[in-house]
N, C-alpha and C. Protein backbone atom coordinates (compact mmCIF):
# COMPACT_ATOMS: atom_id res chain seq x y z
N UNK A 1 0.85 -1.16 0.00
CA UNK A 1 0.00 0.00 0.00
C UNK A 1 0.89 1.23 0.00
N UNK A 2 0.43 2.26 -0.70
CA UNK A 2 1.17 3.51 -0.77
C UNK A 2 0.43 4.60 -0.01
N UNK A 3 1.19 5.45 0.65
CA UNK A 3 0.58 6.59 1.32
C UNK A 3 0.06 7.56 0.29
N UNK A 4 -0.96 8.31 0.65
CA UNK A 4 -1.56 9.30 -0.23
C UNK A 4 -0.49 10.30 -0.65
N UNK A 5 -0.49 10.67 -1.91
CA UNK A 5 0.45 11.66 -2.40
C UNK A 5 1.83 11.09 -2.69
N UNK A 6 1.94 9.77 -2.80
CA UNK A 6 3.22 9.17 -3.16
C UNK A 6 4.20 9.02 -2.03
N UNK A 7 3.72 8.91 -0.82
CA UNK A 7 4.59 8.74 0.34
C UNK A 7 5.16 7.34 0.42
N UNK A 8 5.45 6.93 1.63
CA UNK A 8 6.06 5.63 1.87
C UNK A 8 5.18 4.49 1.37
N UNK A 9 5.83 3.37 1.05
CA UNK A 9 5.13 2.14 0.64
C UNK A 9 5.15 1.19 1.83
N UNK A 10 4.00 0.62 2.15
CA UNK A 10 3.87 -0.31 3.28
C UNK A 10 3.41 -1.66 2.75
N UNK A 11 4.08 -2.71 3.16
CA UNK A 11 3.70 -4.06 2.75
C UNK A 11 2.63 -4.60 3.70
N UNK A 12 1.58 -5.15 3.14
CA UNK A 12 0.57 -5.81 3.97
C UNK A 12 1.13 -7.15 4.41
N UNK A 13 0.79 -7.60 5.61
CA UNK A 13 1.22 -8.94 6.01
C UNK A 13 0.48 -9.99 5.19
N UNK A 14 1.01 -11.21 5.19
CA UNK A 14 0.29 -12.31 4.54
C UNK A 14 -1.09 -12.43 5.18
N UNK A 15 -2.09 -12.57 4.35
CA UNK A 15 -3.45 -12.70 4.87
C UNK A 15 -3.70 -14.14 5.29
N UNK A 16 -4.26 -14.37 6.48
CA UNK A 16 -4.38 -15.72 7.02
C UNK A 16 -5.24 -16.66 6.18
N UNK A 17 -6.18 -16.13 5.40
CA UNK A 17 -7.04 -16.99 4.59
C UNK A 17 -6.44 -17.28 3.21
N UNK A 18 -5.24 -16.75 2.94
CA UNK A 18 -4.58 -17.02 1.67
C UNK A 18 -5.20 -16.24 0.52
N UNK A 19 -4.91 -16.67 -0.72
CA UNK A 19 -5.44 -15.97 -1.89
C UNK A 19 -6.97 -16.04 -1.93
N UNK A 20 -7.56 -15.06 -2.54
CA UNK A 20 -9.01 -15.03 -2.68
C UNK A 20 -9.54 -13.62 -2.59
N UNK A 21 -10.84 -13.50 -2.44
CA UNK A 21 -11.51 -12.20 -2.34
C UNK A 21 -11.57 -11.75 -0.90
N UNK A 22 -11.41 -10.45 -0.71
CA UNK A 22 -11.44 -9.86 0.62
C UNK A 22 -12.28 -8.59 0.59
N UNK A 23 -12.85 -8.24 1.71
CA UNK A 23 -13.55 -6.96 1.90
C UNK A 23 -12.60 -6.08 2.70
N UNK A 24 -12.56 -4.80 2.35
CA UNK A 24 -11.75 -3.84 3.09
C UNK A 24 -12.64 -2.74 3.63
N UNK A 25 -12.40 -2.35 4.86
CA UNK A 25 -13.11 -1.22 5.46
C UNK A 25 -12.03 -0.23 5.90
N UNK A 26 -12.19 1.02 5.45
CA UNK A 26 -11.20 2.05 5.73
C UNK A 26 -11.86 3.13 6.57
N UNK A 27 -11.33 3.33 7.77
CA UNK A 27 -11.84 4.37 8.66
C UNK A 27 -10.85 5.52 8.68
N UNK A 28 -11.34 6.74 8.64
CA UNK A 28 -10.48 7.91 8.78
C UNK A 28 -11.16 8.89 9.74
N UNK A 29 -10.38 9.45 10.65
CA UNK A 29 -10.89 10.39 11.63
C UNK A 29 -10.10 11.69 11.49
N UNK A 30 -10.80 12.80 11.52
CA UNK A 30 -10.24 14.16 11.44
C UNK A 30 -9.79 14.56 10.04
N UNK A 31 -10.21 13.85 9.00
CA UNK A 31 -9.80 14.22 7.63
C UNK A 31 -10.30 15.60 7.24
N UNK A 32 -11.46 16.00 7.71
CA UNK A 32 -12.06 17.26 7.32
C UNK A 32 -11.79 18.39 8.31
N UNK A 33 -11.02 18.10 9.35
CA UNK A 33 -10.79 19.08 10.40
C UNK A 33 -9.64 20.02 10.04
N UNK A 34 -9.81 21.28 10.30
CA UNK A 34 -8.74 22.26 10.15
C UNK A 34 -8.18 22.66 11.51
N UNK A 35 -8.51 21.90 12.53
CA UNK A 35 -8.14 22.26 13.90
C UNK A 35 -6.71 21.90 14.24
N UNK A 36 -6.00 21.27 13.32
CA UNK A 36 -4.65 20.83 13.62
C UNK A 36 -4.61 19.47 14.28
N UNK A 37 -5.79 18.87 14.49
CA UNK A 37 -5.83 17.53 15.09
C UNK A 37 -5.22 16.53 14.11
N UNK A 38 -4.52 15.56 14.63
CA UNK A 38 -3.86 14.57 13.79
C UNK A 38 -4.89 13.61 13.20
N UNK A 39 -4.77 13.35 11.88
CA UNK A 39 -5.63 12.36 11.25
C UNK A 39 -5.30 10.98 11.80
N UNK A 40 -6.33 10.14 11.88
CA UNK A 40 -6.13 8.74 12.30
C UNK A 40 -6.83 7.85 11.29
N UNK A 41 -6.23 6.70 11.02
CA UNK A 41 -6.75 5.79 10.01
C UNK A 41 -6.73 4.36 10.53
N UNK A 42 -7.67 3.57 10.05
CA UNK A 42 -7.75 2.15 10.39
C UNK A 42 -8.18 1.40 9.14
N UNK A 43 -7.45 0.36 8.79
CA UNK A 43 -7.81 -0.49 7.66
C UNK A 43 -8.13 -1.87 8.21
N UNK A 44 -9.34 -2.35 7.92
CA UNK A 44 -9.75 -3.70 8.33
C UNK A 44 -9.91 -4.55 7.08
N UNK A 45 -9.45 -5.80 7.12
CA UNK A 45 -9.50 -6.71 5.97
C UNK A 45 -10.02 -8.05 6.45
N UNK A 46 -10.99 -8.61 5.73
CA UNK A 46 -11.49 -9.94 6.08
C UNK A 46 -11.94 -10.65 4.80
N UNK A 47 -11.87 -12.00 4.78
CA UNK A 47 -12.28 -12.74 3.59
C UNK A 47 -13.79 -12.63 3.38
N UNK A 48 -14.17 -12.47 2.12
CA UNK A 48 -15.59 -12.41 1.75
C UNK A 48 -15.69 -12.66 0.26
N UNK A 49 -16.74 -13.33 -0.20
CA UNK A 49 -16.90 -13.55 -1.64
C UNK A 49 -16.93 -12.22 -2.41
N UNK A 50 -16.61 -12.29 -3.68
CA UNK A 50 -16.61 -11.11 -4.54
C UNK A 50 -17.96 -10.41 -4.49
N UNK A 51 -17.93 -9.08 -4.43
CA UNK A 51 -19.16 -8.30 -4.41
C UNK A 51 -18.86 -6.91 -4.97
N UNK A 52 -19.90 -6.16 -5.22
CA UNK A 52 -19.76 -4.81 -5.75
C UNK A 52 -19.24 -3.88 -4.66
N UNK A 53 -18.20 -3.08 -4.95
CA UNK A 53 -17.72 -2.12 -3.96
C UNK A 53 -18.82 -1.10 -3.61
N UNK A 54 -18.84 -0.66 -2.36
CA UNK A 54 -19.83 0.32 -1.96
C UNK A 54 -19.35 1.13 -0.77
N UNK A 55 -19.80 2.35 -0.69
CA UNK A 55 -19.56 3.17 0.48
C UNK A 55 -20.76 2.95 1.40
N UNK A 56 -20.52 2.41 2.57
CA UNK A 56 -21.60 2.10 3.50
C UNK A 56 -22.05 3.35 4.23
N UNK A 57 -21.09 4.16 4.67
CA UNK A 57 -21.40 5.39 5.38
C UNK A 57 -20.25 6.36 5.18
N UNK A 58 -20.57 7.60 4.94
CA UNK A 58 -19.55 8.63 4.86
C UNK A 58 -20.12 9.95 5.33
N UNK A 59 -19.35 10.63 6.14
CA UNK A 59 -19.71 11.99 6.56
C UNK A 59 -18.60 12.94 6.14
N UNK A 60 -17.75 12.50 5.22
CA UNK A 60 -16.55 13.24 4.85
C UNK A 60 -16.74 14.09 3.60
N UNK A 61 -16.45 15.37 3.73
CA UNK A 61 -16.43 16.24 2.55
C UNK A 61 -15.29 15.86 1.63
N UNK A 62 -14.18 15.34 2.20
CA UNK A 62 -13.06 14.91 1.38
C UNK A 62 -13.46 13.75 0.46
N UNK A 63 -14.20 12.78 0.97
CA UNK A 63 -14.65 11.67 0.13
C UNK A 63 -15.56 12.18 -0.97
N UNK A 64 -16.49 13.05 -0.63
CA UNK A 64 -17.40 13.60 -1.65
C UNK A 64 -16.59 14.31 -2.73
N UNK A 65 -15.58 15.06 -2.34
CA UNK A 65 -14.75 15.77 -3.32
C UNK A 65 -14.05 14.78 -4.25
N UNK A 66 -13.38 13.76 -3.68
CA UNK A 66 -12.61 12.82 -4.49
C UNK A 66 -13.50 11.90 -5.31
N UNK A 67 -14.74 11.74 -4.94
CA UNK A 67 -15.68 10.93 -5.73
C UNK A 67 -16.37 11.79 -6.80
N UNK A 68 -16.04 13.07 -6.87
CA UNK A 68 -16.60 13.94 -7.90
C UNK A 68 -17.93 14.56 -7.56
N UNK A 69 -18.37 14.39 -6.32
CA UNK A 69 -19.66 14.96 -5.94
C UNK A 69 -19.51 16.33 -5.31
N UNK A 70 -18.29 16.79 -5.07
CA UNK A 70 -18.09 18.04 -4.35
C UNK A 70 -17.50 19.06 -5.15
């Protein structure tokens, strides 16, 4: 995985279920804040059959911007 803007590259560990389809959930906190608070991120990965990608919930103006809605 690469950091946003071409930063450092991070290797994911071997996934315990081996090759196959996985679901990823990405959490970000403070992305829209101008308060100087540090952004925090969490990536969760688990095996799941192939499915259509979807945004389950978003309150981020940044996501809306990058998805072309802003």
